[in-house]
Amino acid sequence: MVRELLIQFYKSTRYKPTRIIFYRDGVSEGQFRQVLYYELLAIREACISLEKEYQPGITYIVVQKRHHTRLFCADRNERVGRSGNIPAGTTVDTDITHPYEFDFYLCSHAGIQGTSRPSHYHVLWDDNCFTADEFQLLTYQLCHTYVRCTRSVSIPAPAYYAHLVAFRARYHLVDKEHDSAEGSHVSGQSNGRDPQALAKAVQIHHDTLRTMYFA
């Protein structure tokens, strides 16, 4: 998939990406090492398959929302809204974070109801040598680029779009089952994570292939 995206990016811009920033959702802490090794290697191989000397800097980040950490304002005057939440953009990278790994909490959205839950970011790999401030600012800015919302959202837009694409792919698979006698066979192979079967089942019309139709 990365290889195809790199080709499409080059066709659209006539440039090869010099940096790849990869936000990954849905990974528990016990899976960090395994996922990093497998996916980072796959990205590297995709780049080398296009050109042997092509080695862009890769930054690999895991985004976690399912945790029990909540942040509160020590000063009542800084509370926002009826629920008294922390202001959007509040970042914590000391005291409650890992003592020597690159991680931080960022509450990028303004909570409307209930207590805001910050996202927990783990930078597992960074060839681009971002400083903490630079990367936290980049992450916060990406939370303002989600097309379905006029406000900042809780995780960066690329991670949200990945969710939308995955859910849309499910509908493609369901339609395939109803429209073809081969549907159950294709779906079964896809559940087994057969890339060829999945690519065959999820086919996008050429006219919408280069658009964000899923958004």
N, C-alpha and C. Protein backbone atom coordinates (compact mmCIF):
# COMPACT_ATOMS: atom_id res chain seq x y z
N MET A 1 0.82 -1.20 0.00
CA MET A 1 0.00 0.00 0.00
C MET A 1 0.86 1.26 0.00
N VAL A 2 1.94 1.26 0.77
CA VAL A 2 2.81 2.44 0.83
C VAL A 2 3.44 2.71 -0.53
N ARG A 3 3.82 1.65 -1.21
CA ARG A 3 4.44 1.81 -2.53
C ARG A 3 3.48 2.51 -3.50
N GLU A 4 2.22 2.06 -3.51
CA GLU A 4 1.24 2.66 -4.40
C GLU A 4 1.00 4.14 -4.05
N LEU A 5 0.99 4.44 -2.76
CA LEU A 5 0.78 5.82 -2.34
C LEU A 5 1.96 6.71 -2.73
N LEU A 6 3.17 6.18 -2.64
CA LEU A 6 4.34 6.95 -3.04
C LEU A 6 4.32 7.24 -4.55
N ILE A 7 3.91 6.25 -5.32
CA ILE A 7 3.80 6.44 -6.77
C ILE A 7 2.75 7.50 -7.10
N GLN A 8 1.62 7.41 -6.41
CA GLN A 8 0.55 8.38 -6.65
C GLN A 8 0.98 9.78 -6.24
N PHE A 9 1.71 9.89 -5.14
CA PHE A 9 2.20 11.20 -4.69
C PHE A 9 3.15 11.79 -5.74
N TYR A 10 4.03 10.97 -6.28
CA TYR A 10 4.99 11.46 -7.28
C TYR A 10 4.27 11.89 -8.56
N LYS A 11 3.27 11.13 -8.97
CA LYS A 11 2.52 11.49 -10.18
C LYS A 11 1.78 12.82 -10.01
N SER A 12 1.34 13.08 -8.80
CA SER A 12 0.56 14.30 -8.54
C SER A 12 1.44 15.53 -8.36
N THR A 13 2.63 15.34 -7.77
CA THR A 13 3.46 16.49 -7.41
C THR A 13 4.79 16.56 -8.15
N ARG A 14 5.19 15.44 -8.76
CA ARG A 14 6.51 15.30 -9.41
C ARG A 14 7.65 15.41 -8.42
N TYR A 15 7.37 15.15 -7.17
CA TYR A 15 8.39 15.12 -6.13
C TYR A 15 8.27 13.83 -5.32
N LYS A 16 9.40 13.37 -4.82
CA LYS A 16 9.38 12.23 -3.90
C LYS A 16 9.41 12.77 -2.47
N PRO A 17 8.59 12.23 -1.59
CA PRO A 17 8.60 12.71 -0.19
C PRO A 17 9.98 12.53 0.44
N THR A 18 10.47 13.56 1.09
CA THR A 18 11.74 13.46 1.81
C THR A 18 11.52 13.05 3.26
N ARG A 19 10.28 13.20 3.72
CA ARG A 19 9.91 12.78 5.08
C ARG A 19 8.58 12.05 5.04
N ILE A 20 8.48 10.99 5.81
CA ILE A 20 7.22 10.27 5.96
C ILE A 20 6.87 10.25 7.45
N ILE A 21 5.74 10.85 7.79
CA ILE A 21 5.28 10.89 9.19
C ILE A 21 4.06 9.99 9.30
N PHE A 22 4.19 8.95 10.09
CA PHE A 22 3.21 7.86 10.11
C PHE A 22 2.53 7.83 11.48
N TYR A 23 1.25 8.20 11.51
CA TYR A 23 0.46 8.11 12.74
C TYR A 23 -0.29 6.78 12.75
N ARG A 24 -0.06 6.00 13.78
CA ARG A 24 -0.63 4.65 13.86
C ARG A 24 -1.57 4.56 15.05
N ASP A 25 -2.79 4.12 14.82
CA ASP A 25 -3.79 3.98 15.88
C ASP A 25 -4.07 2.50 16.12
N GLY A 26 -4.67 2.20 17.27
CA GLY A 26 -5.11 0.84 17.55
C GLY A 26 -4.02 -0.12 17.97
N VAL A 27 -2.98 0.37 18.63
CA VAL A 27 -1.87 -0.49 19.06
C VAL A 27 -1.71 -0.35 20.57
N SER A 28 -1.67 -1.47 21.26
CA SER A 28 -1.44 -1.45 22.71
C SER A 28 0.05 -1.41 22.99
N GLU A 29 0.42 -1.06 24.20
CA GLU A 29 1.83 -0.92 24.54
C GLU A 29 2.59 -2.23 24.39
N GLY A 30 1.93 -3.34 24.63
CA GLY A 30 2.58 -4.64 24.49
C GLY A 30 2.90 -5.01 23.06
N GLN A 31 2.32 -4.29 22.10
CA GLN A 31 2.54 -4.58 20.68
C GLN A 31 3.50 -3.60 20.02
N PHE A 32 4.02 -2.65 20.76
CA PHE A 32 4.86 -1.61 20.16
C PHE A 32 6.04 -2.19 19.38
N ARG A 33 6.81 -3.05 20.00
CA ARG A 33 8.02 -3.57 19.38
C ARG A 33 7.69 -4.37 18.11
N GLN A 34 6.67 -5.21 18.20
CA GLN A 34 6.30 -6.05 17.07
C GLN A 34 5.79 -5.22 15.89
N VAL A 35 4.90 -4.29 16.18
CA VAL A 35 4.32 -3.46 15.11
C VAL A 35 5.37 -2.55 14.49
N LEU A 36 6.22 -1.96 15.32
CA LEU A 36 7.27 -1.09 14.80
C LEU A 36 8.20 -1.85 13.87
N TYR A 37 8.63 -3.02 14.29
CA TYR A 37 9.55 -3.81 13.46
C TYR A 37 8.91 -4.18 12.13
N TYR A 38 7.69 -4.67 12.16
CA TYR A 38 7.03 -5.14 10.94
C TYR A 38 6.69 -3.98 10.00
N GLU A 39 6.09 -2.93 10.52
CA GLU A 39 5.60 -1.86 9.65
C GLU A 39 6.71 -0.92 9.20
N LEU A 40 7.67 -0.64 10.07
CA LEU A 40 8.78 0.21 9.66
C LEU A 40 9.58 -0.47 8.56
N LEU A 41 9.81 -1.78 8.70
CA LEU A 41 10.52 -2.53 7.67
C LEU A 41 9.74 -2.53 6.35
N ALA A 42 8.42 -2.66 6.45
CA ALA A 42 7.59 -2.67 5.24
C ALA A 42 7.65 -1.32 4.52
N ILE A 43 7.67 -0.23 5.28
CA ILE A 43 7.77 1.11 4.67
C ILE A 43 9.13 1.27 3.99
N ARG A 44 10.19 0.82 4.67
CA ARG A 44 11.53 0.91 4.09
C ARG A 44 11.61 0.11 2.78
N GLU A 45 11.06 -1.09 2.80
CA GLU A 45 11.11 -1.95 1.61
C GLU A 45 10.32 -1.33 0.46
N ALA A 46 9.20 -0.67 0.79
CA ALA A 46 8.40 -0.01 -0.25
C ALA A 46 9.19 1.11 -0.91
N CYS A 47 9.94 1.86 -0.11
CA CYS A 47 10.75 2.95 -0.66
C CYS A 47 11.89 2.42 -1.53
N ILE A 48 12.57 1.39 -1.03
CA ILE A 48 13.71 0.83 -1.77
C ILE A 48 13.25 0.16 -3.05
N SER A 49 12.03 -0.38 -3.05
CA SER A 49 11.53 -1.04 -4.27
C SER A 49 11.35 -0.05 -5.41
N LEU A 50 11.19 1.22 -5.09
CA LEU A 50 11.06 2.25 -6.12
C LEU A 50 12.42 2.73 -6.60
N GLU A 51 13.35 2.84 -5.67
CA GLU A 51 14.70 3.30 -6.00
C GLU A 51 15.62 2.91 -4.85
N LYS A 52 16.73 2.26 -5.17
CA LYS A 52 17.60 1.72 -4.13
C LYS A 52 18.13 2.79 -3.19
N GLU A 53 18.39 3.96 -3.73
CA GLU A 53 18.96 5.03 -2.92
C GLU A 53 17.90 5.88 -2.22
N TYR A 54 16.65 5.55 -2.44
CA TYR A 54 15.57 6.36 -1.87
C TYR A 54 15.28 5.92 -0.44
N GLN A 55 15.69 6.72 0.52
CA GLN A 55 15.49 6.42 1.93
C GLN A 55 15.03 7.69 2.67
N PRO A 56 13.76 8.02 2.56
CA PRO A 56 13.26 9.22 3.25
C PRO A 56 13.26 9.03 4.77
N GLY A 57 13.34 10.12 5.48
CA GLY A 57 13.26 10.04 6.94
C GLY A 57 11.87 9.64 7.39
N ILE A 58 11.79 8.69 8.29
CA ILE A 58 10.50 8.18 8.75
C ILE A 58 10.32 8.50 10.24
N THR A 59 9.18 9.05 10.56
CA THR A 59 8.79 9.25 11.96
C THR A 59 7.53 8.43 12.19
N TYR A 60 7.58 7.54 13.18
CA TYR A 60 6.50 6.58 13.42
C TYR A 60 5.91 6.84 14.81
N ILE A 61 4.63 7.16 14.86
CA ILE A 61 3.97 7.54 16.11
C ILE A 61 2.74 6.68 16.34
N VAL A 62 2.57 6.22 17.55
CA VAL A 62 1.36 5.51 17.94
C VAL A 62 0.46 6.48 18.71
N VAL A 63 -0.81 6.53 18.32
CA VAL A 63 -1.80 7.39 18.98
C VAL A 63 -2.72 6.50 19.81
N GLN A 64 -2.88 6.82 21.08
CA GLN A 64 -3.75 6.04 21.96
C GLN A 64 -4.83 6.93 22.57
N LYS A 65 -6.07 6.46 22.46
CA LYS A 65 -7.20 7.16 23.08
C LYS A 65 -7.78 6.38 24.25
N ARG A 66 -7.58 5.08 24.24
CA ARG A 66 -8.20 4.23 25.27
C ARG A 66 -7.27 4.11 26.48
N HIS A 67 -7.38 5.06 27.36
CA HIS A 67 -6.61 5.05 28.60
C HIS A 67 -7.43 5.77 29.66
N HIS A 68 -6.96 5.77 30.88
CA HIS A 68 -7.73 6.32 32.00
C HIS A 68 -7.16 7.64 32.52
N THR A 69 -6.24 8.24 31.79
CA THR A 69 -5.64 9.50 32.22
C THR A 69 -6.55 10.68 31.89
N ARG A 70 -6.77 11.53 32.87
CA ARG A 70 -7.54 12.76 32.68
C ARG A 70 -6.73 13.93 33.24
N LEU A 71 -6.85 15.07 32.60
CA LEU A 71 -6.11 16.26 33.01
C LEU A 71 -7.08 17.34 33.49
N PHE A 72 -6.65 18.08 34.51
CA PHE A 72 -7.49 19.13 35.08
C PHE A 72 -6.66 20.39 35.29
N CYS A 73 -7.33 21.54 35.27
CA CYS A 73 -6.66 22.82 35.49
C CYS A 73 -6.44 23.04 36.98
N ALA A 74 -5.21 23.35 37.35
CA ALA A 74 -4.93 23.67 38.75
C ALA A 74 -5.53 25.03 39.11
N ASP A 75 -5.56 25.92 38.14
CA ASP A 75 -6.14 27.25 38.33
C ASP A 75 -7.56 27.26 37.78
N ARG A 76 -8.54 27.50 38.62
CA ARG A 76 -9.94 27.50 38.19
C ARG A 76 -10.22 28.51 37.08
N ASN A 77 -9.47 29.59 37.06
CA ASN A 77 -9.69 30.64 36.06
C ASN A 77 -9.32 30.18 34.64
N GLU A 78 -8.56 29.10 34.54
CA GLU A 78 -8.15 28.61 33.22
C GLU A 78 -9.11 27.58 32.66
N ARG A 79 -10.09 27.17 33.44
CA ARG A 79 -11.04 26.17 32.97
C ARG A 79 -11.90 26.73 31.84
N VAL A 80 -12.31 25.82 30.94
CA VAL A 80 -13.05 26.22 29.74
C VAL A 80 -14.39 25.51 29.69
N GLY A 81 -15.44 26.25 29.36
CA GLY A 81 -16.76 25.66 29.15
C GLY A 81 -17.48 25.32 30.44
N ARG A 82 -18.69 24.79 30.28
CA ARG A 82 -19.51 24.43 31.43
C ARG A 82 -18.92 23.29 32.24
N SER A 83 -18.23 22.39 31.56
CA SER A 83 -17.66 21.23 32.24
C SER A 83 -16.34 21.54 32.93
N GLY A 84 -15.81 22.73 32.72
CA GLY A 84 -14.56 23.11 33.37
C GLY A 84 -13.36 22.33 32.86
N ASN A 85 -13.32 22.07 31.56
CA ASN A 85 -12.24 21.29 30.97
C ASN A 85 -10.98 22.13 30.77
N ILE A 86 -9.90 21.44 30.45
CA ILE A 86 -8.65 22.12 30.12
C ILE A 86 -8.77 22.73 28.72
N PRO A 87 -8.02 23.80 28.44
CA PRO A 87 -8.09 24.43 27.11
C PRO A 87 -7.56 23.50 26.03
N ALA A 88 -8.10 23.63 24.82
CA ALA A 88 -7.59 22.87 23.69
C ALA A 88 -6.13 23.25 23.43
N GLY A 89 -5.30 22.26 23.19
CA GLY A 89 -3.88 22.49 22.97
C GLY A 89 -3.03 22.22 24.19
N THR A 90 -3.66 21.87 25.31
CA THR A 90 -2.90 21.56 26.53
C THR A 90 -2.03 20.33 26.29
N THR A 91 -0.75 20.45 26.60
CA THR A 91 0.22 19.37 26.37
C THR A 91 0.98 19.09 27.65
N VAL A 92 1.16 17.81 27.95
CA VAL A 92 1.93 17.39 29.13
C VAL A 92 2.98 16.38 28.67
N ASP A 93 4.25 16.70 28.88
CA ASP A 93 5.32 15.78 28.49
C ASP A 93 6.32 15.54 29.62
N THR A 94 5.92 15.83 30.85
CA THR A 94 6.77 15.57 32.01
C THR A 94 5.94 14.96 33.13
N ASP A 95 6.61 14.47 34.14
CA ASP A 95 6.01 13.97 35.38
C ASP A 95 5.19 12.69 35.19
N ILE A 96 4.13 12.73 34.38
CA ILE A 96 3.27 11.55 34.23
C ILE A 96 3.60 10.75 32.97
N THR A 97 4.63 11.16 32.24
CA THR A 97 5.03 10.44 31.03
C THR A 97 6.19 9.50 31.34
N HIS A 98 6.62 8.75 30.33
CA HIS A 98 7.71 7.79 30.52
C HIS A 98 9.00 8.52 30.83
N PRO A 99 9.83 7.99 31.74
CA PRO A 99 11.04 8.72 32.17
C PRO A 99 12.07 8.93 31.07
N TYR A 100 12.16 8.03 30.08
CA TYR A 100 13.19 8.22 29.05
C TYR A 100 12.71 7.99 27.62
N GLU A 101 11.47 7.60 27.41
CA GLU A 101 10.94 7.46 26.06
C GLU A 101 10.25 8.75 25.62
N PHE A 102 10.08 8.91 24.31
CA PHE A 102 9.49 10.12 23.73
C PHE A 102 7.97 9.93 23.65
N ASP A 103 7.27 10.39 24.67
CA ASP A 103 5.80 10.33 24.66
C ASP A 103 5.25 11.58 25.31
N PHE A 104 3.98 11.87 25.02
CA PHE A 104 3.34 13.05 25.61
C PHE A 104 1.83 12.91 25.50
N TYR A 105 1.14 13.68 26.33
CA TYR A 105 -0.32 13.78 26.27
C TYR A 105 -0.69 15.12 25.63
N LEU A 106 -1.66 15.07 24.72
CA LEU A 106 -2.13 16.29 24.08
C LEU A 106 -3.65 16.27 24.02
N CYS A 107 -4.26 17.28 24.63
CA CYS A 107 -5.71 17.45 24.52
C CYS A 107 -5.94 18.52 23.45
N SER A 108 -6.17 18.08 22.24
CA SER A 108 -6.22 19.00 21.11
C SER A 108 -7.60 19.56 20.83
N HIS A 109 -8.62 19.04 21.50
CA HIS A 109 -9.99 19.48 21.23
C HIS A 109 -10.59 20.14 22.48
N ALA A 110 -11.60 20.96 22.26
CA ALA A 110 -12.32 21.58 23.37
C ALA A 110 -13.52 20.71 23.72
N GLY A 111 -13.53 20.16 24.91
CA GLY A 111 -14.62 19.29 25.32
C GLY A 111 -15.93 20.05 25.46
N ILE A 112 -16.98 19.55 24.81
CA ILE A 112 -18.29 20.20 24.88
C ILE A 112 -19.11 19.65 26.04
N GLN A 113 -18.99 18.34 26.25
CA GLN A 113 -19.77 17.69 27.31
C GLN A 113 -18.90 16.66 28.01
N GLY A 114 -18.95 16.64 29.32
CA GLY A 114 -18.15 15.68 30.07
C GLY A 114 -16.69 16.11 30.16
N THR A 115 -15.87 15.22 30.70
CA THR A 115 -14.45 15.50 30.89
C THR A 115 -13.66 15.15 29.64
N SER A 116 -12.86 16.08 29.17
CA SER A 116 -12.05 15.83 27.98
C SER A 116 -11.01 14.75 28.25
N ARG A 117 -10.79 13.91 27.26
CA ARG A 117 -9.79 12.86 27.39
C ARG A 117 -8.64 13.16 26.43
N PRO A 118 -7.44 13.39 26.94
CA PRO A 118 -6.31 13.69 26.05
C PRO A 118 -5.86 12.44 25.30
N SER A 119 -5.24 12.65 24.17
CA SER A 119 -4.64 11.53 23.44
C SER A 119 -3.21 11.34 23.91
N HIS A 120 -2.77 10.08 23.92
CA HIS A 120 -1.42 9.75 24.37
C HIS A 120 -0.60 9.36 23.14
N TYR A 121 0.47 10.08 22.90
CA TYR A 121 1.31 9.86 21.71
C TYR A 121 2.64 9.24 22.12
N HIS A 122 3.02 8.19 21.41
CA HIS A 122 4.31 7.52 21.62
C HIS A 122 5.10 7.61 20.31
N VAL A 123 6.20 8.33 20.33
CA VAL A 123 7.06 8.42 19.14
C VAL A 123 8.05 7.26 19.22
N LEU A 124 7.79 6.22 18.43
CA LEU A 124 8.60 5.01 18.49
C LEU A 124 9.84 5.08 17.61
N TRP A 125 9.79 5.92 16.58
CA TRP A 125 10.94 6.03 15.67
C TRP A 125 10.94 7.43 15.06
N ASP A 126 12.12 8.03 14.99
CA ASP A 126 12.18 9.40 14.47
C ASP A 126 13.49 9.64 13.74
N ASP A 127 13.50 9.41 12.43
CA ASP A 127 14.66 9.73 11.61
C ASP A 127 14.78 11.22 11.37
N ASN A 128 13.68 11.95 11.54
CA ASN A 128 13.65 13.37 11.19
C ASN A 128 14.11 14.27 12.32
N CYS A 129 14.41 13.68 13.47
CA CYS A 129 14.99 14.41 14.60
C CYS A 129 14.15 15.63 15.01
N PHE A 130 12.86 15.42 15.16
CA PHE A 130 12.00 16.48 15.66
C PHE A 130 12.32 16.77 17.12
N THR A 131 12.27 18.02 17.50
CA THR A 131 12.29 18.34 18.92
C THR A 131 10.89 18.08 19.47
N ALA A 132 10.77 17.99 20.78
CA ALA A 132 9.46 17.74 21.39
C ALA A 132 8.48 18.85 21.02
N ASP A 133 8.93 20.10 21.10
CA ASP A 133 8.04 21.23 20.80
C ASP A 133 7.59 21.21 19.34
N GLU A 134 8.51 20.91 18.44
CA GLU A 134 8.17 20.89 17.01
C GLU A 134 7.13 19.82 16.71
N PHE A 135 7.35 18.64 17.27
CA PHE A 135 6.43 17.55 16.94
C PHE A 135 5.08 17.75 17.61
N GLN A 136 5.07 18.25 18.81
CA GLN A 136 3.79 18.51 19.49
C GLN A 136 2.99 19.58 18.74
N LEU A 137 3.67 20.60 18.23
CA LEU A 137 2.99 21.64 17.46
C LEU A 137 2.45 21.08 16.15
N LEU A 138 3.24 20.26 15.47
CA LEU A 138 2.79 19.65 14.22
C LEU A 138 1.55 18.79 14.47
N THR A 139 1.58 17.99 15.52
CA THR A 139 0.45 17.13 15.84
C THR A 139 -0.80 17.95 16.13
N TYR A 140 -0.63 19.01 16.90
CA TYR A 140 -1.78 19.86 17.23
C TYR A 140 -2.34 20.54 15.97
N GLN A 141 -1.47 20.99 15.09
CA GLN A 141 -1.93 21.63 13.86
C GLN A 141 -2.69 20.66 12.97
N LEU A 142 -2.25 19.41 12.92
CA LEU A 142 -2.94 18.40 12.11
C LEU A 142 -4.34 18.11 12.64
N CYS A 143 -4.56 18.39 13.91
CA CYS A 143 -5.90 18.18 14.49
C CYS A 143 -6.89 19.24 14.02
N HIS A 144 -6.40 20.26 13.31
CA HIS A 144 -7.28 21.32 12.79
C HIS A 144 -7.61 21.12 11.31
N THR A 145 -7.20 20.03 10.72
CA THR A 145 -7.36 19.86 9.26
C THR A 145 -8.40 18.80 8.90
N TYR A 146 -9.23 18.40 9.85
CA TYR A 146 -10.25 17.39 9.59
C TYR A 146 -11.44 18.05 8.90
N VAL A 147 -11.81 17.56 7.70
CA VAL A 147 -12.77 18.28 6.87
C VAL A 147 -14.20 18.22 7.40
N ARG A 148 -14.50 17.27 8.27
CA ARG A 148 -15.87 17.14 8.75
C ARG A 148 -16.17 18.05 9.95
N CYS A 149 -15.17 18.75 10.42
CA CYS A 149 -15.37 19.55 11.63
C CYS A 149 -14.70 20.91 11.47
N THR A 150 -15.37 21.95 11.92
CA THR A 150 -14.81 23.30 11.84
C THR A 150 -13.95 23.65 13.05
N ARG A 151 -13.84 22.68 13.98
CA ARG A 151 -13.01 22.88 15.17
C ARG A 151 -11.91 21.83 15.18
N SER A 152 -10.99 21.97 16.12
CA SER A 152 -9.96 20.95 16.25
C SER A 152 -10.56 19.67 16.82
N VAL A 153 -10.01 18.53 16.42
CA VAL A 153 -10.52 17.22 16.85
C VAL A 153 -9.50 16.56 17.77
N SER A 154 -9.85 15.39 18.29
CA SER A 154 -9.07 14.79 19.38
C SER A 154 -7.81 14.09 18.92
N ILE A 155 -7.73 13.68 17.66
CA ILE A 155 -6.53 13.05 17.12
C ILE A 155 -6.23 13.66 15.76
N PRO A 156 -5.00 13.53 15.25
CA PRO A 156 -4.66 14.13 13.96
C PRO A 156 -5.56 13.61 12.83
N ALA A 157 -5.84 14.48 11.88
CA ALA A 157 -6.74 14.14 10.78
C ALA A 157 -6.32 12.87 10.02
N PRO A 158 -5.03 12.63 9.76
CA PRO A 158 -4.67 11.39 9.05
C PRO A 158 -5.15 10.13 9.76
N ALA A 159 -5.11 10.13 11.09
CA ALA A 159 -5.59 8.97 11.84
C ALA A 159 -7.11 8.83 11.71
N TYR A 160 -7.81 9.94 11.72
CA TYR A 160 -9.27 9.91 11.52
C TYR A 160 -9.61 9.38 10.12
N TYR A 161 -8.88 9.85 9.13
CA TYR A 161 -9.14 9.41 7.75
C TYR A 161 -8.88 7.91 7.60
N ALA A 162 -7.88 7.41 8.30
CA ALA A 162 -7.61 5.97 8.25
C ALA A 162 -8.80 5.18 8.77
N HIS A 163 -9.45 5.69 9.82
CA HIS A 163 -10.66 5.04 10.34
C HIS A 163 -11.76 5.06 9.28
N LEU A 164 -11.95 6.20 8.63
CA LEU A 164 -13.00 6.31 7.62
C LEU A 164 -12.76 5.36 6.46
N VAL A 165 -11.51 5.26 6.03
CA VAL A 165 -11.19 4.35 4.92
C VAL A 165 -11.47 2.90 5.32
N ALA A 166 -11.09 2.54 6.55
CA ALA A 166 -11.31 1.16 7.01
C ALA A 166 -12.79 0.83 7.08
N PHE A 167 -13.59 1.75 7.61
CA PHE A 167 -15.04 1.50 7.67
C PHE A 167 -15.65 1.44 6.27
N ARG A 168 -15.16 2.29 5.38
CA ARG A 168 -15.68 2.26 4.01
C ARG A 168 -15.32 0.94 3.33
N ALA A 169 -14.14 0.42 3.60
CA ALA A 169 -13.73 -0.86 3.02
C ALA A 169 -14.64 -1.99 3.47
N ARG A 170 -15.12 -1.91 4.69
CA ARG A 170 -16.06 -2.93 5.17
C ARG A 170 -17.32 -2.95 4.32
N TYR A 171 -17.81 -1.78 3.97
CA TYR A 171 -19.02 -1.71 3.14
C TYR A 171 -18.76 -2.29 1.75
N HIS A 172 -17.57 -2.07 1.23
CA HIS A 172 -17.23 -2.66 -0.06
C HIS A 172 -17.29 -4.19 0.02
N LEU A 173 -16.77 -4.73 1.12
CA LEU A 173 -16.76 -6.19 1.29
C LEU A 173 -18.17 -6.73 1.43
N VAL A 174 -19.01 -6.02 2.18
CA VAL A 174 -20.40 -6.45 2.35
C VAL A 174 -21.13 -6.43 1.01
N ASP A 175 -20.94 -5.37 0.24
CA ASP A 175 -21.57 -5.29 -1.08
C ASP A 175 -21.10 -6.42 -1.98
N LYS A 176 -19.85 -6.78 -1.85
CA LYS A 176 -19.30 -7.86 -2.67
C LYS A 176 -19.99 -9.18 -2.36
N GLU A 177 -20.29 -9.40 -1.09
CA GLU A 177 -20.95 -10.64 -0.69
C GLU A 177 -22.34 -10.73 -1.27
N HIS A 178 -23.05 -9.60 -1.33
CA HIS A 178 -24.42 -9.60 -1.83
C HIS A 178 -24.49 -9.63 -3.35
N ASP A 179 -23.50 -9.03 -4.00
CA ASP A 179 -23.55 -8.88 -5.45
C ASP A 179 -22.97 -10.06 -6.21
N SER A 180 -22.19 -10.90 -5.53
CA SER A 180 -21.51 -11.97 -6.25
C SER A 180 -21.52 -13.26 -5.45
N ALA A 181 -21.58 -14.36 -6.17
CA ALA A 181 -21.53 -15.66 -5.50
C ALA A 181 -20.16 -15.91 -4.92
N GLU A 182 -19.17 -15.17 -5.42
CA GLU A 182 -17.81 -15.32 -4.93
C GLU A 182 -17.57 -14.48 -3.69
N GLY A 183 -18.58 -13.73 -3.28
CA GLY A 183 -18.39 -12.78 -2.19
C GLY A 183 -17.93 -13.43 -0.91
N SER A 184 -18.57 -14.52 -0.52
CA SER A 184 -18.20 -15.16 0.74
C SER A 184 -16.79 -15.69 0.68
N HIS A 185 -16.38 -16.18 -0.50
CA HIS A 185 -15.02 -16.70 -0.64
C HIS A 185 -14.00 -15.58 -0.54
N VAL A 186 -14.29 -14.46 -1.21
CA VAL A 186 -13.38 -13.32 -1.16
C VAL A 186 -13.30 -12.75 0.24
N SER A 187 -14.47 -12.63 0.89
CA SER A 187 -14.50 -12.08 2.24
C SER A 187 -13.74 -12.97 3.19
N GLY A 188 -13.88 -14.27 3.03
CA GLY A 188 -13.18 -15.19 3.91
C GLY A 188 -11.68 -15.07 3.77
N GLN A 189 -11.20 -14.90 2.53
CA GLN A 189 -9.78 -14.73 2.32
C GLN A 189 -9.30 -13.41 2.90
N SER A 190 -10.14 -12.38 2.77
CA SER A 190 -9.75 -11.07 3.30
C SER A 190 -9.62 -11.11 4.81
N ASN A 191 -10.53 -11.87 5.47
CA ASN A 191 -10.43 -12.00 6.92
C ASN A 191 -9.14 -12.69 7.30
N GLY A 192 -8.62 -13.52 6.38
CA GLY A 192 -7.34 -14.16 6.62
C GLY A 192 -6.18 -13.26 6.25
N ARG A 193 -6.47 -12.01 5.92
CA ARG A 193 -5.46 -11.00 5.62
C ARG A 193 -4.67 -11.36 4.37
N ASP A 194 -5.35 -11.85 3.36
CA ASP A 194 -4.74 -12.10 2.06
C ASP A 194 -4.78 -10.80 1.27
N PRO A 195 -3.64 -10.16 1.04
CA PRO A 195 -3.64 -8.84 0.38
C PRO A 195 -4.26 -8.88 -1.01
N GLN A 196 -4.02 -9.94 -1.77
CA GLN A 196 -4.55 -10.02 -3.12
C GLN A 196 -6.07 -10.12 -3.11
N ALA A 197 -6.61 -10.93 -2.19
CA ALA A 197 -8.06 -11.07 -2.10
C ALA A 197 -8.71 -9.77 -1.66
N LEU A 198 -8.04 -9.07 -0.74
CA LEU A 198 -8.58 -7.79 -0.27
C LEU A 198 -8.58 -6.75 -1.38
N ALA A 199 -7.49 -6.70 -2.14
CA ALA A 199 -7.40 -5.75 -3.25
C ALA A 199 -8.46 -6.04 -4.31
N LYS A 200 -8.75 -7.32 -4.51
CA LYS A 200 -9.75 -7.71 -5.50
C LYS A 200 -11.15 -7.32 -5.03
N ALA A 201 -11.40 -7.46 -3.73
CA ALA A 201 -12.73 -7.17 -3.20
C ALA A 201 -12.99 -5.67 -3.10
N VAL A 202 -11.96 -4.92 -2.70
CA VAL A 202 -12.12 -3.47 -2.50
C VAL A 202 -11.53 -2.75 -3.71
N GLN A 203 -12.34 -2.50 -4.69
CA GLN A 203 -11.90 -1.82 -5.90
C GLN A 203 -12.58 -0.45 -5.99
N ILE A 204 -11.78 0.57 -6.21
CA ILE A 204 -12.28 1.94 -6.27
C ILE A 204 -12.35 2.39 -7.73
N HIS A 205 -13.42 3.08 -8.07
CA HIS A 205 -13.56 3.58 -9.43
C HIS A 205 -12.43 4.55 -9.77
N HIS A 206 -11.97 4.47 -10.99
CA HIS A 206 -10.81 5.27 -11.40
C HIS A 206 -11.04 6.77 -11.20
N ASP A 207 -12.26 7.24 -11.42
CA ASP A 207 -12.55 8.67 -11.32
C ASP A 207 -12.43 9.20 -9.89
N THR A 208 -12.59 8.33 -8.91
CA THR A 208 -12.53 8.76 -7.51
C THR A 208 -11.27 8.27 -6.80
N LEU A 209 -10.40 7.61 -7.53
CA LEU A 209 -9.24 6.99 -6.90
C LEU A 209 -8.32 8.02 -6.25
N ARG A 210 -8.21 9.20 -6.85
CA ARG A 210 -7.30 10.23 -6.34
C ARG A 210 -8.01 11.31 -5.55
N THR A 211 -9.21 11.04 -5.14
CA THR A 211 -9.96 11.99 -4.32
C THR A 211 -10.23 11.41 -2.94
N MET A 212 -10.52 12.27 -1.99
CA MET A 212 -10.85 11.81 -0.64
C MET A 212 -12.35 11.57 -0.55
N TYR A 213 -12.83 10.65 -1.36
CA TYR A 213 -14.26 10.36 -1.42
C TYR A 213 -14.81 9.85 -0.09
N PHE A 214 -13.96 9.24 0.71
CA PHE A 214 -14.38 8.65 1.98
C PHE A 214 -14.65 9.70 3.05
N ALA A 215 -14.15 10.93 2.84
CA ALA A 215 -14.32 11.98 3.84
C ALA A 215 -15.69 12.62 3.75
